[in-house]
Amino acid sequence: MFGAAFFFVPTVIFMGLIAPLWLLLHYLSKGRAEKGLSAADRQELEAALTLVDTLEDRIETLESILDADHHDWRRQDASANRRGGHNA
């Protein structure tokens, strides 16, 4: 008799409280994942991509200036990195 109650009580608690809550939270999270990005998230992503494009343009401009002024800056930077040094 004690053995049956030992398994029966935790099973009732699990099936009555934990399992329904678990299923509810599981399917709520699935529904959110299927929605995709919200309008605010999409707008924030677009702003971030615009910023990335701007920064890429700036880097290309700086590299072209360095190429024009210091022809071997890429080689100097690569050799300093191999030696473990840092050009500041």
PDB file of N, CA and C in Angstrom:
ATOM      1  N   MET A   1       0.819  -1.193   0.000  1.00  0.00           N
ATOM      2  CA  MET A   1       0.000   0.000   0.000  1.00  0.00           C
ATOM      3  C   MET A   1       0.866   1.262   0.000  1.00  0.00           C
ATOM      4  N   PHE A   2       1.904   1.268   0.825  1.00  0.00           N
ATOM      5  CA  PHE A   2       2.788   2.424   0.899  1.00  0.00           C
ATOM      6  C   PHE A   2       3.490   2.653  -0.434  1.00  0.00           C
ATOM      7  N   GLY A   3       3.849   1.578  -1.128  1.00  0.00           N
ATOM      8  CA  GLY A   3       4.526   1.696  -2.411  1.00  0.00           C
ATOM      9  C   GLY A   3       3.650   2.347  -3.459  1.00  0.00           C
ATOM     10  N   ALA A   4       2.368   2.039  -3.464  1.00  0.00           N
ATOM     11  CA  ALA A   4       1.453   2.624  -4.434  1.00  0.00           C
ATOM     12  C   ALA A   4       1.300   4.122  -4.185  1.00  0.00           C
ATOM     13  N   ALA A   5       1.192   4.513  -2.927  1.00  0.00           N
ATOM     14  CA  ALA A   5       1.049   5.935  -2.590  1.00  0.00           C
ATOM     15  C   ALA A   5       2.339   6.684  -2.907  1.00  0.00           C
ATOM     16  N   PHE A   6       3.451   5.991  -2.791  1.00  0.00           N
ATOM     17  CA  PHE A   6       4.751   6.589  -3.069  1.00  0.00           C
ATOM     18  C   PHE A   6       4.832   7.050  -4.527  1.00  0.00           C
ATOM     19  N   PHE A   7       4.236   6.287  -5.447  1.00  0.00           N
ATOM     20  CA  PHE A   7       4.252   6.659  -6.867  1.00  0.00           C
ATOM     21  C   PHE A   7       3.012   7.447  -7.274  1.00  0.00           C
ATOM     22  N   PHE A   8       1.893   7.220  -6.617  1.00  0.00           N
ATOM     23  CA  PHE A   8       0.638   7.840  -6.993  1.00  0.00           C
ATOM     24  C   PHE A   8       0.643   9.348  -6.730  1.00  0.00           C
ATOM     25  N   VAL A   9       1.091   9.782  -5.569  1.00  0.00           N
ATOM     26  CA  VAL A   9       1.054  11.207  -5.201  1.00  0.00           C
ATOM     27  C   VAL A   9       1.939  12.050  -6.117  1.00  0.00           C
ATOM     28  N   PRO A  10       3.195  11.683  -6.362  1.00  0.00           N
ATOM     29  CA  PRO A  10       4.000  12.500  -7.287  1.00  0.00           C
ATOM     30  C   PRO A  10       3.447  12.491  -8.713  1.00  0.00           C
ATOM     31  N   THR A  11       2.854  11.361  -9.121  1.00  0.00           N
ATOM     32  CA  THR A  11       2.284  11.285 -10.461  1.00  0.00           C
ATOM     33  C   THR A  11       1.096  12.237 -10.596  1.00  0.00           C
ATOM     34  N   VAL A  12       0.227  12.278  -9.590  1.00  0.00           N
ATOM     35  CA  VAL A  12      -0.922  13.177  -9.622  1.00  0.00           C
ATOM     36  C   VAL A  12      -0.454  14.631  -9.625  1.00  0.00           C
ATOM     37  N   ILE A  13       0.529  14.949  -8.835  1.00  0.00           N
ATOM     38  CA  ILE A  13       1.056  16.316  -8.798  1.00  0.00           C
ATOM     39  C   ILE A  13       1.656  16.687 -10.153  1.00  0.00           C
ATOM     40  N   PHE A  14       2.418  15.773 -10.716  1.00  0.00           N
ATOM     41  CA  PHE A  14       3.033  16.041 -12.016  1.00  0.00           C
ATOM     42  C   PHE A  14       1.975  16.225 -13.095  1.00  0.00           C
ATOM     43  N   MET A  15       1.027  15.312 -13.185  1.00  0.00           N
ATOM     44  CA  MET A  15       0.007  15.361 -14.235  1.00  0.00           C
ATOM     45  C   MET A  15      -0.970  16.523 -14.032  1.00  0.00           C
ATOM     46  N   GLY A  16      -1.204  16.908 -12.799  1.00  0.00           N
ATOM     47  CA  GLY A  16      -2.174  17.968 -12.535  1.00  0.00           C
ATOM     48  C   GLY A  16      -1.609  19.365 -12.596  1.00  0.00           C
ATOM     49  N   LEU A  17      -0.341  19.535 -12.252  1.00  0.00           N
ATOM     50  CA  LEU A  17       0.250  20.872 -12.196  1.00  0.00           C
ATOM     51  C   LEU A  17       1.378  21.087 -13.189  1.00  0.00           C
ATOM     52  N   ILE A  18       2.338  20.230 -13.158  1.00  0.00           N
ATOM     53  CA  ILE A  18       3.566  20.470 -13.925  1.00  0.00           C
ATOM     54  C   ILE A  18       3.360  20.231 -15.415  1.00  0.00           C
ATOM     55  N   ALA A  19       2.748  19.119 -15.787  1.00  0.00           N
ATOM     56  CA  ALA A  19       2.589  18.801 -17.210  1.00  0.00           C
ATOM     57  C   ALA A  19       1.760  19.851 -17.954  1.00  0.00           C
ATOM     58  N   PRO A  20       0.600  20.281 -17.444  1.00  0.00           N
ATOM     59  CA  PRO A  20      -0.148  21.308 -18.196  1.00  0.00           C
ATOM     60  C   PRO A  20       0.617  22.626 -18.324  1.00  0.00           C
ATOM     61  N   LEU A  21       1.288  23.029 -17.263  1.00  0.00           N
ATOM     62  CA  LEU A  21       2.076  24.258 -17.326  1.00  0.00           C
ATOM     63  C   LEU A  21       3.209  24.119 -18.330  1.00  0.00           C
ATOM     64  N   TRP A  22       3.852  22.983 -18.318  1.00  0.00           N
ATOM     65  CA  TRP A  22       4.943  22.701 -19.245  1.00  0.00           C
ATOM     66  C   TRP A  22       4.441  22.759 -20.691  1.00  0.00           C
ATOM     67  N   LEU A  23       3.324  22.118 -20.967  1.00  0.00           N
ATOM     68  CA  LEU A  23       2.771  22.128 -22.319  1.00  0.00           C
ATOM     69  C   LEU A  23       2.352  23.533 -22.738  1.00  0.00           C
ATOM     70  N   LEU A  24       1.722  24.263 -21.864  1.00  0.00           N
ATOM     71  CA  LEU A  24       1.300  25.623 -22.164  1.00  0.00           C
ATOM     72  C   LEU A  24       2.497  26.502 -22.529  1.00  0.00           C
ATOM     73  N   LEU A  25       3.530  26.461 -21.713  1.00  0.00           N
ATOM     74  CA  LEU A  25       4.718  27.274 -21.988  1.00  0.00           C
ATOM     75  C   LEU A  25       5.429  26.822 -23.258  1.00  0.00           C
ATOM     76  N   HIS A  26       5.433  25.532 -23.507  1.00  0.00           N
ATOM     77  CA  HIS A  26       6.081  25.000 -24.709  1.00  0.00           C
ATOM     78  C   HIS A  26       5.396  25.538 -25.961  1.00  0.00           C
ATOM     79  N   TYR A  27       4.082  25.454 -26.013  1.00  0.00           N
ATOM     80  CA  TYR A  27       3.377  25.887 -27.212  1.00  0.00           C
ATOM     81  C   TYR A  27       3.311  27.407 -27.329  1.00  0.00           C
ATOM     82  N   LEU A  28       3.364  28.118 -26.232  1.00  0.00           N
ATOM     83  CA  LEU A  28       3.466  29.573 -26.317  1.00  0.00           C
ATOM     84  C   LEU A  28       4.792  29.987 -26.944  1.00  0.00           C
ATOM     85  N   SER A  29       5.875  29.330 -26.531  1.00  0.00           N
ATOM     86  CA  SER A  29       7.178  29.674 -27.099  1.00  0.00           C
ATOM     87  C   SER A  29       7.260  29.265 -28.563  1.00  0.00           C
ATOM     88  N   LYS A  30       6.619  28.159 -28.943  1.00  0.00           N
ATOM     89  CA  LYS A  30       6.589  27.755 -30.355  1.00  0.00           C
ATOM     90  C   LYS A  30       5.853  28.793 -31.186  1.00  0.00           C
ATOM     91  N   GLY A  31       4.755  29.307 -30.653  1.00  0.00           N
ATOM     92  CA  GLY A  31       3.985  30.318 -31.380  1.00  0.00           C
ATOM     93  C   GLY A  31       4.775  31.596 -31.584  1.00  0.00           C
ATOM     94  N   ARG A  32       5.522  31.995 -30.587  1.00  0.00           N
ATOM     95  CA  ARG A  32       6.354  33.199 -30.706  1.00  0.00           C
ATOM     96  C   ARG A  32       7.456  33.000 -31.730  1.00  0.00           C
ATOM     97  N   ALA A  33       8.029  31.804 -31.749  1.00  0.00           N
ATOM     98  CA  ALA A  33       9.122  31.534 -32.682  1.00  0.00           C
ATOM     99  C   ALA A  33       8.630  31.538 -34.123  1.00  0.00           C
ATOM    100  N   GLU A  34       7.407  31.116 -34.356  1.00  0.00           N
ATOM    101  CA  GLU A  34       6.883  31.065 -35.715  1.00  0.00           C
ATOM    102  C   GLU A  34       6.483  32.435 -36.235  1.00  0.00           C
ATOM    103  N   LYS A  35       6.216  33.370 -35.359  1.00  0.00           N
ATOM    104  CA  LYS A  35       5.809  34.710 -35.791  1.00  0.00           C
ATOM    105  C   LYS A  35       6.919  35.410 -36.555  1.00  0.00           C
ATOM    106  N   GLY A  36       8.136  35.192 -36.179  1.00  0.00           N
ATOM    107  CA  GLY A  36       9.257  35.883 -36.808  1.00  0.00           C
ATOM    108  C   GLY A  36       9.542  37.193 -36.108  1.00  0.00           C
ATOM    109  N   LEU A  37      10.123  38.113 -36.852  1.00  0.00           N
ATOM    110  CA  LEU A  37      10.492  39.404 -36.281  1.00  0.00           C
ATOM    111  C   LEU A  37       9.290  40.329 -36.213  1.00  0.00           C
ATOM    112  N   SER A  38       9.222  41.065 -35.141  1.00  0.00           N
ATOM    113  CA  SER A  38       8.175  42.082 -35.024  1.00  0.00           C
ATOM    114  C   SER A  38       8.587  43.289 -35.862  1.00  0.00           C
ATOM    115  N   ALA A  39       7.674  44.227 -36.023  1.00  0.00           N
ATOM    116  CA  ALA A  39       7.974  45.423 -36.816  1.00  0.00           C
ATOM    117  C   ALA A  39       9.116  46.218 -36.184  1.00  0.00           C
ATOM    118  N   ALA A  40       9.120  46.307 -34.862  1.00  0.00           N
ATOM    119  CA  ALA A  40      10.194  47.039 -34.180  1.00  0.00           C
ATOM    120  C   ALA A  40      11.534  46.323 -34.360  1.00  0.00           C
ATOM    121  N   ASP A  41      11.521  44.986 -34.270  1.00  0.00           N
ATOM    122  CA  ASP A  41      12.756  44.229 -34.472  1.00  0.00           C
ATOM    123  C   ASP A  41      13.260  44.390 -35.899  1.00  0.00           C
ATOM    124  N   ARG A  42      12.328  44.359 -36.848  1.00  0.00           N
ATOM    125  CA  ARG A  42      12.701  44.499 -38.255  1.00  0.00           C
ATOM    126  C   ARG A  42      13.308  45.879 -38.504  1.00  0.00           C
ATOM    127  N   GLN A  43      12.712  46.917 -37.892  1.00  0.00           N
ATOM    128  CA  GLN A  43      13.219  48.278 -38.057  1.00  0.00           C
ATOM    129  C   GLN A  43      14.607  48.412 -37.429  1.00  0.00           C
ATOM    130  N   GLU A  44      14.799  47.805 -36.269  1.00  0.00           N
ATOM    131  CA  GLU A  44      16.108  47.851 -35.606  1.00  0.00           C
ATOM    132  C   GLU A  44      17.164  47.124 -36.435  1.00  0.00           C
ATOM    133  N   LEU A  45      16.786  46.017 -37.042  1.00  0.00           N
ATOM    134  CA  LEU A  45      17.708  45.281 -37.898  1.00  0.00           C
ATOM    135  C   LEU A  45      18.086  46.104 -39.125  1.00  0.00           C
ATOM    136  N   GLU A  46      17.117  46.765 -39.724  1.00  0.00           N
ATOM    137  CA  GLU A  46      17.410  47.623 -40.871  1.00  0.00           C
ATOM    138  C   GLU A  46      18.355  48.759 -40.490  1.00  0.00           C
ATOM    139  N   ALA A  47      18.147  49.346 -39.320  1.00  0.00           N
ATOM    140  CA  ALA A  47      19.032  50.420 -38.862  1.00  0.00           C
ATOM    141  C   ALA A  47      20.449  49.893 -38.641  1.00  0.00           C
ATOM    142  N   ALA A  48      20.556  48.701 -38.081  1.00  0.00           N
ATOM    143  CA  ALA A  48      21.875  48.109 -37.852  1.00  0.00           C
ATOM    144  C   ALA A  48      22.573  47.814 -39.180  1.00  0.00           C
ATOM    145  N   LEU A  49      21.834  47.315 -40.151  1.00  0.00           N
ATOM    146  CA  LEU A  49      22.431  47.036 -41.458  1.00  0.00           C
ATOM    147  C   LEU A  49      22.871  48.316 -42.161  1.00  0.00           C
ATOM    148  N   THR A  50      22.104  49.377 -42.006  1.00  0.00           N
ATOM    149  CA  THR A  50      22.495  50.668 -42.575  1.00  0.00           C
ATOM    150  C   THR A  50      23.785  51.166 -41.930  1.00  0.00           C
ATOM    151  N   LEU A  51      23.882  51.009 -40.621  1.00  0.00           N
ATOM    152  CA  LEU A  51      25.099  51.412 -39.908  1.00  0.00           C
ATOM    153  C   LEU A  51      26.297  50.585 -40.366  1.00  0.00           C
ATOM    154  N   VAL A  52      26.093  49.293 -40.564  1.00  0.00           N
ATOM    155  CA  VAL A  52      27.176  48.424 -41.045  1.00  0.00           C
ATOM    156  C   VAL A  52      27.656  48.883 -42.413  1.00  0.00           C
ATOM    157  N   ASP A  53      26.710  49.211 -43.307  1.00  0.00           N
ATOM    158  CA  ASP A  53      27.104  49.694 -44.632  1.00  0.00           C
ATOM    159  C   ASP A  53      27.906  50.988 -44.531  1.00  0.00           C
ATOM    160  N   THR A  54      27.477  51.891 -43.665  1.00  0.00           N
ATOM    161  CA  THR A  54      28.197  53.154 -43.472  1.00  0.00           C
ATOM    162  C   THR A  54      29.606  52.904 -42.949  1.00  0.00           C
ATOM    163  N   LEU A  55      29.727  52.005 -41.975  1.00  0.00           N
ATOM    164  CA  LEU A  55      31.046  51.707 -41.415  1.00  0.00           C
ATOM    165  C   LEU A  55      31.944  51.024 -42.438  1.00  0.00           C
ATOM    166  N   GLU A  56      31.380  50.159 -43.272  1.00  0.00           N
ATOM    167  CA  GLU A  56      32.178  49.538 -44.334  1.00  0.00           C
ATOM    168  C   GLU A  56      32.711  50.589 -45.298  1.00  0.00           C
ATOM    169  N   ASP A  57      31.864  51.558 -45.646  1.00  0.00           N
ATOM    170  CA  ASP A  57      32.317  52.637 -46.532  1.00  0.00           C
ATOM    171  C   ASP A  57      33.438  53.440 -45.890  1.00  0.00           C
ATOM    172  N   ARG A  58      33.307  53.707 -44.602  1.00  0.00           N
ATOM    173  CA  ARG A  58      34.366  54.454 -43.902  1.00  0.00           C
ATOM    174  C   ARG A  58      35.676  53.677 -43.890  1.00  0.00           C
ATOM    175  N   ILE A  59      35.591  52.386 -43.639  1.00  0.00           N
ATOM    176  CA  ILE A  59      36.807  51.562 -43.620  1.00  0.00           C
ATOM    177  C   ILE A  59      37.464  51.557 -44.998  1.00  0.00           C
ATOM    178  N   GLU A  60      36.653  51.409 -46.047  1.00  0.00           N
ATOM    179  CA  GLU A  60      37.218  51.427 -47.400  1.00  0.00           C
ATOM    180  C   GLU A  60      37.882  52.766 -47.700  1.00  0.00           C
ATOM    181  N   THR A  61      37.268  53.853 -47.254  1.00  0.00           N
ATOM    182  CA  THR A  61      37.851  55.179 -47.465  1.00  0.00           C
ATOM    183  C   THR A  61      39.177  55.314 -46.723  1.00  0.00           C
ATOM    184  N   LEU A  62      39.192  54.882 -45.461  1.00  0.00           N
ATOM    185  CA  LEU A  62      40.436  54.961 -44.691  1.00  0.00           C
ATOM    186  C   LEU A  62      41.528  54.093 -45.300  1.00  0.00           C
ATOM    187  N   GLU A  63      41.164  52.912 -45.783  1.00  0.00           N
ATOM    188  CA  GLU A  63      42.162  52.049 -46.409  1.00  0.00           C
ATOM    189  C   GLU A  63      42.697  52.666 -47.695  1.00  0.00           C
ATOM    190  N   SER A  64      41.828  53.313 -48.462  1.00  0.00           N
ATOM    191  CA  SER A  64      42.317  53.949 -49.696  1.00  0.00           C
ATOM    192  C   SER A  64      43.243  55.125 -49.379  1.00  0.00           C
ATOM    193  N   ILE A  65      42.930  55.862 -48.310  1.00  0.00           N
ATOM    194  CA  ILE A  65      43.825  56.956 -47.895  1.00  0.00           C
ATOM    195  C   ILE A  65      45.172  56.390 -47.450  1.00  0.00           C
ATOM    196  N   LEU A  66      45.128  55.334 -46.663  1.00  0.00           N
ATOM    197  CA  LEU A  66      46.390  54.721 -46.228  1.00  0.00           C
ATOM    198  C   LEU A  66      47.166  54.141 -47.407  1.00  0.00           C
ATOM    199  N   ASP A  67      46.463  53.544 -48.366  1.00  0.00           N
ATOM    200  CA  ASP A  67      47.141  53.014 -49.549  1.00  0.00           C
ATOM    201  C   ASP A  67      47.838  54.130 -50.319  1.00  0.00           C
ATOM    202  N   ALA A  68      47.199  55.292 -50.394  1.00  0.00           N
ATOM    203  CA  ALA A  68      47.790  56.416 -51.137  1.00  0.00           C
ATOM    204  C   ALA A  68      48.964  57.029 -50.385  1.00  0.00           C
ATOM    205  N   ASP A  69      48.859  57.145 -49.055  1.00  0.00           N
ATOM    206  CA  ASP A  69      49.903  57.815 -48.274  1.00  0.00           C
ATOM    207  C   ASP A  69      51.031  56.877 -47.848  1.00  0.00           C
ATOM    208  N   HIS A  70      50.692  55.682 -47.447  1.00  0.00           N
ATOM    209  CA  HIS A  70      51.678  54.705 -46.952  1.00  0.00           C
ATOM    210  C   HIS A  70      51.458  53.394 -47.687  1.00  0.00           C
ATOM    211  N   HIS A  71      52.249  53.192 -48.731  1.00  0.00           N
ATOM    212  CA  HIS A  71      52.022  52.072 -49.636  1.00  0.00           C
ATOM    213  C   HIS A  71      52.170  50.711 -48.965  1.00  0.00           C
ATOM    214  N   ASP A  72      53.017  50.608 -47.971  1.00  0.00           N
ATOM    215  CA  ASP A  72      53.275  49.290 -47.370  1.00  0.00           C
ATOM    216  C   ASP A  72      52.664  49.147 -45.980  1.00  0.00           C
ATOM    217  N   TRP A  73      51.589  49.855 -45.689  1.00  0.00           N
ATOM    218  CA  TRP A  73      50.980  49.783 -44.350  1.00  0.00           C
ATOM    219  C   TRP A  73      50.408  48.406 -44.064  1.00  0.00           C
ATOM    220  N   ARG A  74      49.915  47.718 -45.067  1.00  0.00           N
ATOM    221  CA  ARG A  74      49.348  46.383 -44.848  1.00  0.00           C
ATOM    222  C   ARG A  74      50.451  45.386 -44.487  1.00  0.00           C
ATOM    223  N   ARG A  75      51.584  45.492 -45.156  1.00  0.00           N
ATOM    224  CA  ARG A  75      52.706  44.601 -44.854  1.00  0.00           C
ATOM    225  C   ARG A  75      53.255  44.868 -43.464  1.00  0.00           C
ATOM    226  N   GLN A  76      53.364  46.136 -43.090  1.00  0.00           N
ATOM    227  CA  GLN A  76      53.874  46.488 -41.757  1.00  0.00           C
ATOM    228  C   GLN A  76      52.948  45.947 -40.677  1.00  0.00           C
ATOM    229  N   ASP A  77      51.651  46.066 -40.873  1.00  0.00           N
ATOM    230  CA  ASP A  77      50.681  45.582 -39.899  1.00  0.00           C
ATOM    231  C   ASP A  77      50.738  44.059 -39.795  1.00  0.00           C
ATOM    232  N   ALA A  78      50.871  43.383 -40.921  1.00  0.00           N
ATOM    233  CA  ALA A  78      50.925  41.925 -40.910  1.00  0.00           C
ATOM    234  C   ALA A  78      52.195  41.428 -40.224  1.00  0.00           C
ATOM    235  N   SER A  79      53.334  42.087 -40.473  1.00  0.00           N
ATOM    236  CA  SER A  79      54.577  41.641 -39.832  1.00  0.00           C
ATOM    237  C   SER A  79      54.552  41.935 -38.337  1.00  0.00           C
ATOM    238  N   ALA A  80      53.933  43.031 -37.931  1.00  0.00           N
ATOM    239  CA  ALA A  80      53.833  43.334 -36.498  1.00  0.00           C
ATOM    240  C   ALA A  80      52.936  42.315 -35.800  1.00  0.00           C
ATOM    241  N   ASN A  81      51.869  41.891 -36.460  1.00  0.00           N
ATOM    242  CA  ASN A  81      50.983  40.889 -35.867  1.00  0.00           C
ATOM    243  C   ASN A  81      51.671  39.539 -35.736  1.00  0.00           C
ATOM    244  N   ARG A  82      52.527  39.203 -36.705  1.00  0.00           N
ATOM    245  CA  ARG A  82      53.249  37.927 -36.613  1.00  0.00           C
ATOM    246  C   ARG A  82      54.257  37.926 -35.470  1.00  0.00           C
ATOM    247  N   ARG A  83      54.870  39.116 -35.225  1.00  0.00           N
ATOM    248  CA  ARG A  83      55.846  39.210 -34.133  1.00  0.00           C
ATOM    249  C   ARG A  83      55.171  39.335 -32.772  1.00  0.00           C
ATOM    250  N   GLY A  84      53.872  39.592 -32.766  1.00  0.00           N
ATOM    251  CA  GLY A  84      53.173  39.762 -31.500  1.00  0.00           C
ATOM    252  C   GLY A  84      53.115  41.199 -31.054  1.00  0.00           C
ATOM    253  N   GLY A  85      53.601  42.115 -31.873  1.00  0.00           N
ATOM    254  CA  GLY A  85      53.571  43.525 -31.519  1.00  0.00           C
ATOM    255  C   GLY A  85      52.246  44.157 -31.924  1.00  0.00           C
ATOM    256  N   HIS A  86      52.081  45.399 -31.522  1.00  0.00           N
ATOM    257  CA  HIS A  86      50.845  46.117 -31.841  1.00  0.00           C
ATOM    258  C   HIS A  86      51.217  47.527 -32.247  1.00  0.00           C
ATOM    259  N   ASN A  87      50.782  47.928 -33.434  1.00  0.00           N
ATOM    260  CA  ASN A  87      51.029  49.307 -33.866  1.00  0.00           C
ATOM    261  C   ASN A  87      49.917  50.184 -33.357  1.00  0.00           C
ATOM    262  N   ALA A  88      50.261  51.214 -32.588  1.00  0.00           N
ATOM    263  CA  ALA A  88      49.215  52.089 -32.057  1.00  0.00           C
ATOM    264  C   ALA A  88      49.307  53.440 -32.691  1.00  0.00           C
TER     265      ALA A  88
END
